Amino acid sequence: MLARFIRFLEAERRFSPLTVRNYRRDIERFMQWLGIAAGQPAEEREVLRRVHTEDIREWIIHRTEHDGVSARSMNREISSLRALFHWLQKNGEVERNVVKPIVSLRTSHRLPAFVPESRMTTIVEHCEEEPADFVTARDALIVLLFYTCGLRLAELIAANRDDLSDDCRSLRVHGKGDKERIVPILDFVREKIMVYMDAVGRQDFCDAAEKALFLTERGARISRSAVYRIVQRELAQAGVQGKKSPHVLRHTFATHLLNGGADMREIQELLGHASLQATQVYTHNSIVRLQTVYAKAHPREKGGK
């Protein structure tokens, strides 16, 4: 049952490998709690048919109170089970989706972390410096593409050289759900792409069969962990406080665009969000910024209450 569901996620829903891994892990953990032995389709079918909504509620209590899982993580696990039982119902394996009545847990509202414009200017200036070698050119371009194109980590890893337009002024991005979008490339970033591609050519290590845009020093596609470490190092060296990750640069991209007057729907399209609601979280950062400016500038705030 689980194996068939995973194949469905991969082949029909076209979920990313990371998303599929999370679904598998969430469902396997639930099955273990039910006492289902791994790799036993007949037992999986029989037990899952007997699951009720109250069992799901008990599972949530077990995970949150016994295992200490956060509400945000628990909601992801609920979503995984909801998708599984929806698929089971659609395929006639169960009569109803027992997870459907379950309401997601309330989570605390967290604003997306981003790098202030003044700090980001310093980072960009550092990335614009003449690179000493291939690695320096690559690492600088990685940071610039996250910040100027708003890419997700998985999207940058998956980028191939032929995803660049012939004039390197746009990039075809393979987003979630196998959806594609085209993002523009700024002129100064285009120049850095040219420098990087020249560096790749001078290294002469790229196998003709390897299409990846970003490579290791051995000519293979760069890994998620390597990119994460590159961004973390660059942000730390620039004195960025708090979380330092590729997603912080994506948040920074969206926040700076909004602060600069970009339309919300344009930002949605550039980010590859399926709904406008996902993009609207960045309005909160702008409101916080306006409140800070207001507090510093308004005479009643500055002088007296």
C-alpha atoms as a PDB file:
ATOM      1  CA  MET A   1       0.000   0.000   0.000  1.00  0.00           C
ATOM      2  CA  LEU A   2       2.652   2.484   1.043  1.00  0.00           C
ATOM      3  CA  ALA A   3       4.874   1.555  -1.897  1.00  0.00           C
ATOM      4  CA  ARG A   4       1.990   2.156  -4.328  1.00  0.00           C
ATOM      5  CA  PHE A   5       1.178   5.492  -2.704  1.00  0.00           C
ATOM      6  CA  ILE A   6       4.808   6.611  -2.935  1.00  0.00           C
ATOM      7  CA  ARG A   7       4.882   5.671  -6.645  1.00  0.00           C
ATOM      8  CA  PHE A   8       1.724   7.758  -7.085  1.00  0.00           C
ATOM      9  CA  LEU A   9       3.406  10.781  -5.470  1.00  0.00           C
ATOM     10  CA  GLU A  10       6.476  10.368  -7.669  1.00  0.00           C
ATOM     11  CA  ALA A  11       4.873   9.530 -11.007  1.00  0.00           C
ATOM     12  CA  GLU A  12       1.517  11.335 -10.972  1.00  0.00           C
ATOM     13  CA  ARG A  13       1.868  14.155  -8.453  1.00  0.00           C
ATOM     14  CA  ARG A  14       5.523  14.668  -9.462  1.00  0.00           C
ATOM     15  CA  PHE A  15       6.544  15.674  -5.965  1.00  0.00           C
ATOM     16  CA  SER A  16      10.181  16.461  -5.319  1.00  0.00           C
ATOM     17  CA  PRO A  17      12.387  13.704  -3.801  1.00  0.00           C
ATOM     18  CA  LEU A  18      12.548  15.657  -0.526  1.00  0.00           C
ATOM     19  CA  THR A  19       8.744  15.959  -0.304  1.00  0.00           C
ATOM     20  CA  VAL A  20       8.300  12.265  -1.096  1.00  0.00           C
ATOM     21  CA  ARG A  21      10.844  11.391   1.589  1.00  0.00           C
ATOM     22  CA  ASN A  22       8.909  13.431   4.157  1.00  0.00           C
ATOM     23  CA  TYR A  23       5.597  11.761   3.215  1.00  0.00           C
ATOM     24  CA  ARG A  24       7.179   8.317   3.479  1.00  0.00           C
ATOM     25  CA  ARG A  25       8.740   9.071   6.858  1.00  0.00           C
ATOM     26  CA  ASP A  26       5.506  10.500   8.310  1.00  0.00           C
ATOM     27  CA  ILE A  27       3.404   7.557   7.156  1.00  0.00           C
ATOM     28  CA  GLU A  28       5.934   4.908   8.173  1.00  0.00           C
ATOM     29  CA  ARG A  29       6.047   6.415  11.668  1.00  0.00           C
ATOM     30  CA  PHE A  30       2.256   6.250  11.896  1.00  0.00           C
ATOM     31  CA  MET A  31       2.216   2.652  10.669  1.00  0.00           C
ATOM     32  CA  GLN A  32       4.824   1.652  13.217  1.00  0.00           C
ATOM     33  CA  TRP A  33       2.609   3.159  15.930  1.00  0.00           C
ATOM     34  CA  LEU A  34      -0.261   1.042  14.595  1.00  0.00           C
ATOM     35  CA  GLY A  35       2.001  -2.015  14.819  1.00  0.00           C
ATOM     36  CA  ILE A  36       2.174  -2.641  11.065  1.00  0.00           C
ATOM     37  CA  ALA A  37       5.294  -4.540   9.997  1.00  0.00           C
ATOM     38  CA  ALA A  38       7.266  -2.881   7.202  1.00  0.00           C
ATOM     39  CA  GLY A  39       6.830  -4.321   3.716  1.00  0.00           C
ATOM     40  CA  GLN A  40       3.622  -6.272   4.456  1.00  0.00           C
ATOM     41  CA  PRO A  41       0.998  -4.998   1.946  1.00  0.00           C
ATOM     42  CA  ALA A  42      -1.753  -7.361   3.111  1.00  0.00           C
ATOM     43  CA  GLU A  43      -1.298  -6.343   6.750  1.00  0.00           C
ATOM     44  CA  GLU A  44      -1.108  -2.651   5.791  1.00  0.00           C
ATOM     45  CA  ARG A  45      -4.416  -2.914   3.912  1.00  0.00           C
ATOM     46  CA  GLU A  46      -6.187  -4.751   6.718  1.00  0.00           C
ATOM     47  CA  VAL A  47      -5.060  -2.423   9.521  1.00  0.00           C
ATOM     48  CA  LEU A  48      -5.573   0.818   7.591  1.00  0.00           C
ATOM     49  CA  ARG A  49      -9.144  -0.231   6.802  1.00  0.00           C
ATOM     50  CA  ARG A  50      -9.840  -0.417  10.547  1.00  0.00           C
ATOM     51  CA  VAL A  51      -8.431   3.024  11.369  1.00  0.00           C
ATOM     52  CA  HIS A  52     -10.948   5.570  12.710  1.00  0.00           C
ATOM     53  CA  THR A  53     -10.780   9.314  13.254  1.00  0.00           C
ATOM     54  CA  GLU A  54     -10.318   8.743  16.985  1.00  0.00           C
ATOM     55  CA  ASP A  55      -7.159   6.752  16.198  1.00  0.00           C
ATOM     56  CA  ILE A  56      -5.804   9.774  14.347  1.00  0.00           C
ATOM     57  CA  ARG A  57      -6.576  11.995  17.349  1.00  0.00           C
ATOM     58  CA  GLU A  58      -4.785   9.556  19.672  1.00  0.00           C
ATOM     59  CA  TRP A  59      -1.804   9.594  17.319  1.00  0.00           C
ATOM     60  CA  ILE A  60      -1.692  13.402  17.444  1.00  0.00           C
ATOM     61  CA  ILE A  61      -1.782  13.347  21.259  1.00  0.00           C
ATOM     62  CA  HIS A  62       0.986  10.735  21.326  1.00  0.00           C
ATOM     63  CA  ARG A  63       3.197  12.747  18.976  1.00  0.00           C
ATOM     64  CA  THR A  64       2.666  16.138  20.614  1.00  0.00           C
ATOM     65  CA  GLU A  65       2.615  15.141  24.300  1.00  0.00           C
ATOM     66  CA  HIS A  66       4.826  12.049  24.385  1.00  0.00           C
ATOM     67  CA  ASP A  67       7.268  12.852  21.561  1.00  0.00           C
ATOM     68  CA  GLY A  68       7.176  16.631  21.981  1.00  0.00           C
ATOM     69  CA  VAL A  69       6.501  17.350  18.294  1.00  0.00           C
ATOM     70  CA  SER A  70       5.718  20.997  17.515  1.00  0.00           C
ATOM     71  CA  ALA A  71       2.337  22.039  16.134  1.00  0.00           C
ATOM     72  CA  ARG A  72       3.924  23.020  12.830  1.00  0.00           C
ATOM     73  CA  SER A  73       5.607  19.610  12.380  1.00  0.00           C
ATOM     74  CA  MET A  74       2.463  17.818  13.507  1.00  0.00           C
ATOM     75  CA  ASN A  75       0.405  19.629  10.880  1.00  0.00           C
ATOM     76  CA  ARG A  76       2.772  18.356   8.212  1.00  0.00           C
ATOM     77  CA  GLU A  77       2.298  14.785   9.453  1.00  0.00           C
ATOM     78  CA  ILE A  78      -1.481  15.250   9.486  1.00  0.00           C
ATOM     79  CA  SER A  79      -1.266  16.492   5.898  1.00  0.00           C
ATOM     80  CA  SER A  80       0.682  13.377   4.912  1.00  0.00           C
ATOM     81  CA  LEU A  81      -1.939  11.086   6.468  1.00  0.00           C
ATOM     82  CA  ARG A  82      -4.770  13.104   4.931  1.00  0.00           C
ATOM     83  CA  ALA A  83      -3.217  12.640   1.484  1.00  0.00           C
ATOM     84  CA  LEU A  84      -2.733   8.896   2.089  1.00  0.00           C
ATOM     85  CA  PHE A  85      -6.329   8.286   3.151  1.00  0.00           C
ATOM     86  CA  HIS A  86      -7.660  10.441   0.313  1.00  0.00           C
ATOM     87  CA  TRP A  87      -5.718   8.219  -2.100  1.00  0.00           C
ATOM     88  CA  LEU A  88      -6.969   5.061  -0.334  1.00  0.00           C
ATOM     89  CA  GLN A  89     -10.574   6.247  -0.572  1.00  0.00           C
ATOM     90  CA  LYS A  90     -10.177   7.201  -4.238  1.00  0.00           C
ATOM     91  CA  ASN A  91      -8.826   3.715  -4.984  1.00  0.00           C
ATOM     92  CA  GLY A  92     -11.605   1.954  -3.070  1.00  0.00           C
ATOM     93  CA  GLU A  93      -9.359   0.681  -0.276  1.00  0.00           C
ATOM     94  CA  VAL A  94     -11.264   2.515   2.500  1.00  0.00           C
ATOM     95  CA  GLU A  95     -14.819   3.824   2.689  1.00  0.00           C
ATOM     96  CA  ARG A  96     -13.932   7.345   3.844  1.00  0.00           C
ATOM     97  CA  ASN A  97     -11.023   9.628   4.589  1.00  0.00           C
ATOM     98  CA  VAL A  98     -10.840   9.385   8.374  1.00  0.00           C
ATOM     99  CA  VAL A  99      -8.336  12.270   8.538  1.00  0.00           C
ATOM    100  CA  LYS A 100     -10.671  14.739   6.808  1.00  0.00           C
ATOM    101  CA  PRO A 101     -12.492  15.812  10.032  1.00  0.00           C
ATOM    102  CA  ILE A 102      -9.157  16.539  11.763  1.00  0.00           C
ATOM    103  CA  VAL A 103      -8.468  20.258  12.133  1.00  0.00           C
ATOM    104  CA  SER A 104      -4.865  21.428  11.891  1.00  0.00           C
ATOM    105  CA  LEU A 105      -3.271  22.528  15.132  1.00  0.00           C
ATOM    106  CA  ARG A 106      -2.975  26.229  15.849  1.00  0.00           C
ATOM    107  CA  THR A 107       0.549  27.508  15.296  1.00  0.00           C
ATOM    108  CA  SER A 108       2.270  30.678  16.416  1.00  0.00           C
ATOM    109  CA  HIS A 109       2.632  33.244  13.657  1.00  0.00           C
ATOM    110  CA  ARG A 110       6.247  33.649  12.607  1.00  0.00           C
ATOM    111  CA  LEU A 111       7.425  36.342  10.236  1.00  0.00           C
ATOM    112  CA  PRO A 112       9.804  35.202   7.494  1.00  0.00           C
ATOM    113  CA  ALA A 113      13.406  36.007   8.416  1.00  0.00           C
ATOM    114  CA  PHE A 114      15.195  38.254   5.934  1.00  0.00           C
ATOM    115  CA  VAL A 115      18.436  40.212   5.588  1.00  0.00           C
ATOM    116  CA  PRO A 116      18.115  44.025   5.878  1.00  0.00           C
ATOM    117  CA  GLU A 117      18.824  45.942   2.678  1.00  0.00           C
ATOM    118  CA  SER A 118      21.923  47.646   4.058  1.00  0.00           C
ATOM    119  CA  ARG A 119      23.455  44.313   5.048  1.00  0.00           C
ATOM    120  CA  MET A 120      22.427  42.715   1.765  1.00  0.00           C
ATOM    121  CA  THR A 121      24.131  45.504  -0.165  1.00  0.00           C
ATOM    122  CA  THR A 122      27.412  44.593   1.513  1.00  0.00           C
ATOM    123  CA  ILE A 123      26.923  40.916   0.645  1.00  0.00           C
ATOM    124  CA  VAL A 124      26.174  41.717  -3.008  1.00  0.00           C
ATOM    125  CA  GLU A 125      29.212  43.979  -3.268  1.00  0.00           C
ATOM    126  CA  HIS A 126      31.377  41.158  -1.924  1.00  0.00           C
ATOM    127  CA  CYS A 127      29.888  38.746  -4.484  1.00  0.00           C
ATOM    128  CA  GLU A 128      30.649  41.227  -7.278  1.00  0.00           C
ATOM    129  CA  GLU A 129      34.384  41.200  -6.537  1.00  0.00           C
ATOM    130  CA  GLU A 130      36.723  39.559  -9.036  1.00  0.00           C
ATOM    131  CA  PRO A 131      36.804  35.830  -8.178  1.00  0.00           C
ATOM    132  CA  ALA A 132      40.115  34.193  -7.375  1.00  0.00           C
ATOM    133  CA  ASP A 133      39.092  30.801  -8.764  1.00  0.00           C
ATOM    134  CA  PHE A 134      36.235  28.555  -9.888  1.00  0.00           C
ATOM    135  CA  VAL A 135      34.939  27.936  -6.346  1.00  0.00           C
ATOM    136  CA  THR A 136      34.818  31.650  -5.514  1.00  0.00           C
ATOM    137  CA  ALA A 137      32.961  32.406  -8.763  1.00  0.00           C
ATOM    138  CA  ARG A 138      30.493  29.566  -8.129  1.00  0.00           C
ATOM    139  CA  ASP A 139      29.773  30.463  -4.510  1.00  0.00           C
ATOM    140  CA  ALA A 140      29.210  34.137  -5.337  1.00  0.00           C
ATOM    141  CA  LEU A 141      26.801  33.237  -8.147  1.00  0.00           C
ATOM    142  CA  ILE A 142      24.852  30.864  -5.879  1.00  0.00           C
ATOM    143  CA  VAL A 143      24.220  33.652  -3.365  1.00  0.00           C
ATOM    144  CA  LEU A 144      23.298  36.129  -6.109  1.00  0.00           C
ATOM    145  CA  LEU A 145      20.801  33.772  -7.780  1.00  0.00           C
ATOM    146  CA  PHE A 146      19.048  33.060  -4.485  1.00  0.00           C
ATOM    147  CA  TYR A 147      18.762  36.771  -3.754  1.00  0.00           C
ATOM    148  CA  THR A 148      17.961  38.138  -7.229  1.00  0.00           C
ATOM    149  CA  CYS A 149      15.759  35.282  -8.512  1.00  0.00           C
ATOM    150  CA  GLY A 150      14.075  34.100  -5.302  1.00  0.00           C
ATOM    151  CA  LEU A 151      14.902  30.442  -5.922  1.00  0.00           C
ATOM    152  CA  ARG A 152      14.199  27.569  -3.581  1.00  0.00           C
ATOM    153  CA  LEU A 153      17.151  25.373  -2.633  1.00  0.00           C
ATOM    154  CA  ALA A 154      15.798  22.411  -4.641  1.00  0.00           C
ATOM    155  CA  GLU A 155      15.266  24.667  -7.664  1.00  0.00           C
ATOM    156  CA  LEU A 156      18.847  25.890  -7.663  1.00  0.00           C
ATOM    157  CA  ILE A 157      20.202  22.348  -7.286  1.00  0.00           C
ATOM    158  CA  ALA A 158      18.037  21.152 -10.201  1.00  0.00           C
ATOM    159  CA  ALA A 159      19.029  24.007 -12.541  1.00  0.00           C
ATOM    160  CA  ASN A 160      20.796  22.917 -15.729  1.00  0.00           C
ATOM    161  CA  ARG A 161      22.923  24.986 -18.067  1.00  0.00           C
ATOM    162  CA  ASP A 162      20.330  24.697 -20.828  1.00  0.00           C
ATOM    163  CA  ASP A 163      17.737  26.257 -18.484  1.00  0.00           C
ATOM    164  CA  LEU A 164      19.507  29.554 -19.136  1.00  0.00           C
ATOM    165  CA  SER A 165      18.275  31.459 -22.170  1.00  0.00           C
ATOM    166  CA  ASP A 166      20.734  31.864 -25.040  1.00  0.00           C
ATOM    167  CA  ASP A 167      21.570  35.409 -23.922  1.00  0.00           C
ATOM    168  CA  CYS A 168      21.582  34.418 -20.188  1.00  0.00           C
ATOM    169  CA  ARG A 169      18.952  37.045 -19.419  1.00  0.00           C
ATOM    170  CA  SER A 170      16.407  34.596 -18.006  1.00  0.00           C
ATOM    171  CA  LEU A 171      16.310  31.240 -16.242  1.00  0.00           C
ATOM    172  CA  ARG A 172      13.738  28.458 -16.587  1.00  0.00           C
ATOM    173  CA  VAL A 173      12.988  27.208 -13.078  1.00  0.00           C
ATOM    174  CA  HIS A 174      11.574  23.767 -12.284  1.00  0.00           C
ATOM    175  CA  GLY A 175       9.367  24.414  -9.266  1.00  0.00           C
ATOM    176  CA  LYS A 176       7.130  22.389  -6.994  1.00  0.00           C
ATOM    177  CA  GLY A 177       4.762  19.951  -8.652  1.00  0.00           C
ATOM    178  CA  ASP A 178       6.917  19.987 -11.785  1.00  0.00           C
ATOM    179  CA  LYS A 179       5.653  23.497 -12.582  1.00  0.00           C
ATOM    180  CA  GLU A 180       7.953  25.706 -14.615  1.00  0.00           C
ATOM    181  CA  ARG A 181       8.378  29.452 -14.498  1.00  0.00           C
ATOM    182  CA  ILE A 182      10.720  31.917 -16.148  1.00  0.00           C
ATOM    183  CA  VAL A 183      12.579  34.405 -13.961  1.00  0.00           C
ATOM    184  CA  PRO A 184      14.571  37.355 -15.310  1.00  0.00           C
ATOM    185  CA  ILE A 185      18.286  37.720 -14.626  1.00  0.00           C
ATOM    186  CA  LEU A 186      19.700  41.154 -13.825  1.00  0.00           C
ATOM    187  CA  ASP A 187      22.549  42.440 -15.975  1.00  0.00           C
ATOM    188  CA  PHE A 188      25.187  42.330 -13.247  1.00  0.00           C
ATOM    189  CA  VAL A 189      24.200  38.734 -12.387  1.00  0.00           C
ATOM    190  CA  ARG A 190      24.369  37.839 -16.077  1.00  0.00           C
ATOM    191  CA  GLU A 191      27.972  39.055 -16.064  1.00  0.00           C
ATOM    192  CA  LYS A 192      28.726  36.833 -13.060  1.00  0.00           C
ATOM    193  CA  ILE A 193      27.208  33.874 -14.934  1.00  0.00           C
ATOM    194  CA  MET A 194      29.585  34.514 -17.814  1.00  0.00           C
ATOM    195  CA  VAL A 195      32.540  34.655 -15.413  1.00  0.00           C
ATOM    196  CA  TYR A 196      31.424  31.403 -13.772  1.00  0.00           C
ATOM    197  CA  MET A 197      30.939  29.613 -17.097  1.00  0.00           C
ATOM    198  CA  ASP A 198      34.420  30.725 -18.184  1.00  0.00           C
ATOM    199  CA  ALA A 199      35.793  29.313 -14.922  1.00  0.00           C
ATOM    200  CA  VAL A 200      34.025  25.993 -15.588  1.00  0.00           C
ATOM    201  CA  GLY A 201      35.551  25.905 -19.067  1.00  0.00           C
ATOM    202  CA  ARG A 202      39.043  26.565 -17.723  1.00  0.00           C
ATOM    203  CA  GLN A 203      38.689  23.757 -15.185  1.00  0.00           C
ATOM    204  CA  ASP A 204      37.929  21.344 -18.056  1.00  0.00           C
ATOM    205  CA  PHE A 205      36.384  18.806 -15.690  1.00  0.00           C
ATOM    206  CA  CYS A 206      32.747  18.877 -16.751  1.00  0.00           C
ATOM    207  CA  ASP A 207      31.566  15.596 -18.277  1.00  0.00           C
ATOM    208  CA  ALA A 208      29.587  16.158 -21.479  1.00  0.00           C
ATOM    209  CA  ALA A 209      26.701  14.177 -19.968  1.00  0.00           C
ATOM    210  CA  GLU A 210      26.521  16.417 -16.892  1.00  0.00           C
ATOM    211  CA  LYS A 211      24.011  19.223 -17.517  1.00  0.00           C
ATOM    212  CA  ALA A 212      24.027  20.764 -14.042  1.00  0.00           C
ATOM    213  CA  LEU A 213      24.530  24.507 -13.786  1.00  0.00           C
ATOM    214  CA  PHE A 214      26.301  24.312 -10.433  1.00  0.00           C
ATOM    215  CA  LEU A 215      29.119  21.809 -10.132  1.00  0.00           C
ATOM    216  CA  THR A 216      31.529  20.478  -7.560  1.00  0.00           C
ATOM    217  CA  GLU A 217      35.278  20.666  -8.124  1.00  0.00           C
ATOM    218  CA  ARG A 218      35.035  17.157  -9.571  1.00  0.00           C
ATOM    219  CA  GLY A 219      32.468  18.167 -12.175  1.00  0.00           C
ATOM    220  CA  ALA A 220      29.385  16.588 -10.575  1.00  0.00           C
ATOM    221  CA  ARG A 221      26.097  18.273  -9.673  1.00  0.00           C
ATOM    222  CA  ILE A 222      26.477  20.118  -6.378  1.00  0.00           C
ATOM    223  CA  SER A 223      24.587  18.741  -3.354  1.00  0.00           C
ATOM    224  CA  ARG A 224      21.961  20.368  -1.133  1.00  0.00           C
ATOM    225  CA  SER A 225      24.226  20.249   1.900  1.00  0.00           C
ATOM    226  CA  ALA A 226      27.105  21.883   0.030  1.00  0.00           C
ATOM    227  CA  VAL A 227      24.906  24.773  -1.144  1.00  0.00           C
ATOM    228  CA  TYR A 228      23.478  25.189   2.340  1.00  0.00           C
ATOM    229  CA  ARG A 229      26.974  25.433   3.825  1.00  0.00           C
ATOM    230  CA  ILE A 230      28.035  27.965   1.167  1.00  0.00           C
ATOM    231  CA  VAL A 231      25.119  30.276   1.949  1.00  0.00           C
ATOM    232  CA  GLN A 232      25.524  29.817   5.684  1.00  0.00           C
ATOM    233  CA  ARG A 233      29.215  30.737   5.464  1.00  0.00           C
ATOM    234  CA  GLU A 234      28.645  33.783   3.250  1.00  0.00           C
ATOM    235  CA  LEU A 235      25.909  35.172   5.494  1.00  0.00           C
ATOM    236  CA  ALA A 236      27.912  34.503   8.654  1.00  0.00           C
ATOM    237  CA  GLN A 237      30.958  36.285   7.229  1.00  0.00           C
ATOM    238  CA  ALA A 238      28.744  39.276   6.461  1.00  0.00           C
ATOM    239  CA  GLY A 239      27.599  39.411  10.079  1.00  0.00           C
ATOM    240  CA  VAL A 240      24.011  38.307   9.465  1.00  0.00           C
ATOM    241  CA  GLN A 241      22.285  37.465  12.752  1.00  0.00           C
ATOM    242  CA  GLY A 242      19.743  34.702  13.304  1.00  0.00           C
ATOM    243  CA  LYS A 243      18.932  32.027  10.765  1.00  0.00           C
ATOM    244  CA  LYS A 244      21.300  31.792   7.791  1.00  0.00           C
ATOM    245  CA  SER A 245      19.962  29.651   4.953  1.00  0.00           C
ATOM    246  CA  PRO A 246      19.035  29.715   1.255  1.00  0.00           C
ATOM    247  CA  HIS A 247      15.397  30.242   2.220  1.00  0.00           C
ATOM    248  CA  VAL A 248      16.345  33.387   4.140  1.00  0.00           C
ATOM    249  CA  LEU A 249      17.707  34.785   0.853  1.00  0.00           C
ATOM    250  CA  ARG A 250      14.449  33.817  -0.884  1.00  0.00           C
ATOM    251  CA  HIS A 251      12.525  35.664   1.844  1.00  0.00           C
ATOM    252  CA  THR A 252      14.894  38.606   1.436  1.00  0.00           C
ATOM    253  CA  PHE A 253      14.224  38.690  -2.313  1.00  0.00           C
ATOM    254  CA  ALA A 254      10.449  38.871  -1.768  1.00  0.00           C
ATOM    255  CA  THR A 255      10.595  41.352   1.105  1.00  0.00           C
ATOM    256  CA  HIS A 256      12.893  43.758  -0.737  1.00  0.00           C
ATOM    257  CA  LEU A 257      10.715  43.599  -3.860  1.00  0.00           C
ATOM    258  CA  LEU A 258       7.611  44.390  -1.811  1.00  0.00           C
ATOM    259  CA  ASN A 259       9.345  47.234  -0.010  1.00  0.00           C
ATOM    260  CA  GLY A 260      10.422  48.558  -3.399  1.00  0.00           C
ATOM    261  CA  GLY A 261       6.829  48.750  -4.634  1.00  0.00           C
ATOM    262  CA  ALA A 262       6.464  45.491  -6.594  1.00  0.00           C
ATOM    263  CA  ASP A 263       2.944  44.161  -7.089  1.00  0.00           C
ATOM    264  CA  MET A 264       1.958  41.211  -4.894  1.00  0.00           C
ATOM    265  CA  ARG A 265       0.866  39.076  -7.837  1.00  0.00           C
ATOM    266  CA  GLU A 266       4.126  39.730  -9.654  1.00  0.00           C
ATOM    267  CA  ILE A 267       6.027  38.550  -6.581  1.00  0.00           C
ATOM    268  CA  GLN A 268       3.771  35.488  -6.427  1.00  0.00           C
ATOM    269  CA  GLU A 269       4.667  34.618 -10.012  1.00  0.00           C
ATOM    270  CA  LEU A 270       8.391  35.139  -9.456  1.00  0.00           C
ATOM    271  CA  LEU A 271       8.354  32.954  -6.329  1.00  0.00           C
ATOM    272  CA  GLY A 272       6.286  30.234  -7.983  1.00  0.00           C
ATOM    273  CA  HIS A 273       3.620  30.264  -5.268  1.00  0.00           C
ATOM    274  CA  ALA A 274       0.446  28.373  -6.173  1.00  0.00           C
ATOM    275  CA  SER A 275      -1.740  30.827  -4.222  1.00  0.00           C
ATOM    276  CA  LEU A 276      -1.545  34.492  -3.348  1.00  0.00           C
ATOM    277  CA  GLN A 277      -2.084  33.636   0.310  1.00  0.00           C
ATOM    278  CA  ALA A 278       1.405  32.139   0.525  1.00  0.00           C
ATOM    279  CA  THR A 279       2.879  35.391  -0.788  1.00  0.00           C
ATOM    280  CA  GLN A 280       0.883  37.677   1.479  1.00  0.00           C
ATOM    281  CA  VAL A 281       2.967  36.697   4.505  1.00  0.00           C
ATOM    282  CA  TYR A 282       5.555  39.209   3.268  1.00  0.00           C
ATOM    283  CA  THR A 283       3.130  42.086   3.823  1.00  0.00           C
ATOM    284  CA  HIS A 284       3.635  41.553   7.549  1.00  0.00           C
ATOM    285  CA  ASN A 285       7.337  42.286   7.221  1.00  0.00           C
ATOM    286  CA  SER A 286       6.504  45.492   5.374  1.00  0.00           C
ATOM    287  CA  ILE A 287       4.046  46.526   8.086  1.00  0.00           C
ATOM    288  CA  VAL A 288       6.669  45.901  10.762  1.00  0.00           C
ATOM    289  CA  ARG A 289       9.116  48.025   8.766  1.00  0.00           C
ATOM    290  CA  LEU A 290       6.549  50.833   8.437  1.00  0.00           C
ATOM    291  CA  GLN A 291       5.866  50.696  12.174  1.00  0.00           C
ATOM    292  CA  THR A 292       9.577  51.080  12.874  1.00  0.00           C
ATOM    293  CA  VAL A 293       9.847  54.057  10.521  1.00  0.00           C
ATOM    294  CA  TYR A 294       6.701  55.561  12.035  1.00  0.00           C
ATOM    295  CA  ALA A 295       8.019  55.197  15.580  1.00  0.00           C
ATOM    296  CA  LYS A 296      11.270  56.937  14.640  1.00  0.00           C
ATOM    297  CA  ALA A 297       9.707  59.716  12.560  1.00  0.00           C
ATOM    298  CA  HIS A 298       6.364  60.673  14.124  1.00  0.00           C
ATOM    299  CA  PRO A 299       6.663  63.590  16.603  1.00  0.00           C
ATOM    300  CA  ARG A 300       4.297  61.978  19.104  1.00  0.00           C
ATOM    301  CA  GLU A 301       6.452  58.848  19.150  1.00  0.00           C
ATOM    302  CA  LYS A 302       9.722  60.740  19.250  1.00  0.00           C
ATOM    303  CA  GLY A 303       8.888  63.451  21.731  1.00  0.00           C
ATOM    304  CA  GLY A 304       6.170  62.351  24.085  1.00  0.00           C
ATOM    305  CA  LYS A 305       3.242  60.107  24.660  1.00  0.00           C
END
